[in-house]
Amino acid sequence: MTALFAAGDRVTVRPDRANPNLRPGIYTIKMAMPRAGHGPRQYRVKHDQDPHERIVDEPQLNRLG
């Protein structure tokens, strides 16, 4: 299955219990992670004002525009 998002795409992220430290706002997709098992695809994302990259599940992402 092909990734819905590509490196450089701008998205918003819905926080969940697994990622309580996510800032609200716009993130940039850094890369799609390799599929691991049958769970949702995961992505590395980066917020402009957060020095850390985060890993989030695809269902948490909303495309801008």
Protein backbone atom coordinates (compact mmCIF):
# COMPACT_ATOMS: atom_id res chain seq x y z
CA MET A 1 0.00 0.00 0.00
CA THR A 2 1.34 3.42 -0.98
CA ALA A 3 1.90 6.16 1.58
CA LEU A 4 -0.72 8.94 1.55
CA PHE A 5 1.85 11.59 2.43
CA ALA A 6 5.33 12.33 1.09
CA ALA A 7 8.36 14.12 2.52
CA GLY A 8 7.75 17.86 2.47
CA ASP A 9 3.94 17.66 2.75
CA ARG A 10 2.45 20.05 5.32
CA VAL A 11 -0.16 18.56 7.66
CA THR A 12 -1.95 19.08 10.94
CA VAL A 13 -1.78 16.37 13.60
CA ARG A 14 -4.49 15.24 16.00
CA PRO A 15 -2.81 14.43 19.35
CA ASP A 16 -3.70 11.18 21.07
CA ARG A 17 -2.75 9.41 24.30
CA ALA A 18 0.32 7.89 22.66
CA ASN A 19 1.67 11.38 21.76
CA PRO A 20 0.54 13.76 24.53
CA ASN A 21 3.46 16.15 23.87
CA LEU A 22 2.42 17.06 20.31
CA ARG A 23 2.05 20.81 19.84
CA PRO A 24 -1.00 22.03 17.97
CA GLY A 25 -0.22 23.50 14.59
CA ILE A 26 1.34 22.64 11.27
CA TYR A 27 3.90 19.89 10.80
CA THR A 28 6.10 18.88 7.90
CA ILE A 29 6.35 15.23 6.88
CA LYS A 30 10.02 14.20 7.08
CA MET A 31 9.56 10.61 5.87
CA ALA A 32 7.18 7.68 5.71
CA MET A 33 8.39 4.91 8.00
CA PRO A 34 8.76 1.37 6.65
CA ARG A 35 5.64 -0.72 7.30
CA ALA A 36 5.93 -2.84 10.45
CA GLY A 37 3.22 -5.47 10.69
CA HIS A 38 -0.45 -4.71 10.13
CA GLY A 39 -0.80 -1.47 12.04
CA PRO A 40 -1.28 1.95 10.45
CA ARG A 41 1.54 3.48 8.43
CA GLN A 42 3.67 5.83 10.51
CA TYR A 43 5.46 9.04 9.60
CA ARG A 44 8.25 11.15 11.06
CA VAL A 45 6.95 14.71 11.39
CA LYS A 46 8.49 17.99 12.57
CA HIS A 47 6.81 21.11 13.95
CA ASP A 48 8.54 24.40 13.05
CA GLN A 49 8.81 25.39 16.73
CA ASP A 50 9.76 22.00 18.19
CA PRO A 51 13.35 20.76 17.95
CA HIS A 52 12.24 17.11 18.02
CA GLU A 53 10.87 14.94 15.25
CA ARG A 54 7.88 12.83 16.27
CA ILE A 55 6.45 9.59 14.93
CA VAL A 56 2.70 9.63 14.34
CA ASP A 57 0.16 7.24 12.83
CA GLU A 58 -1.37 8.06 9.46
CA PRO A 59 -4.95 8.37 10.83
CA GLN A 60 -3.77 11.29 13.02
CA LEU A 61 -2.75 13.38 9.98
CA ASN A 62 -4.86 15.86 8.03
CA ARG A 63 -3.64 17.33 4.76
CA LEU A 64 -3.59 21.13 4.57
CA GLY A 65 -5.64 22.83 1.91
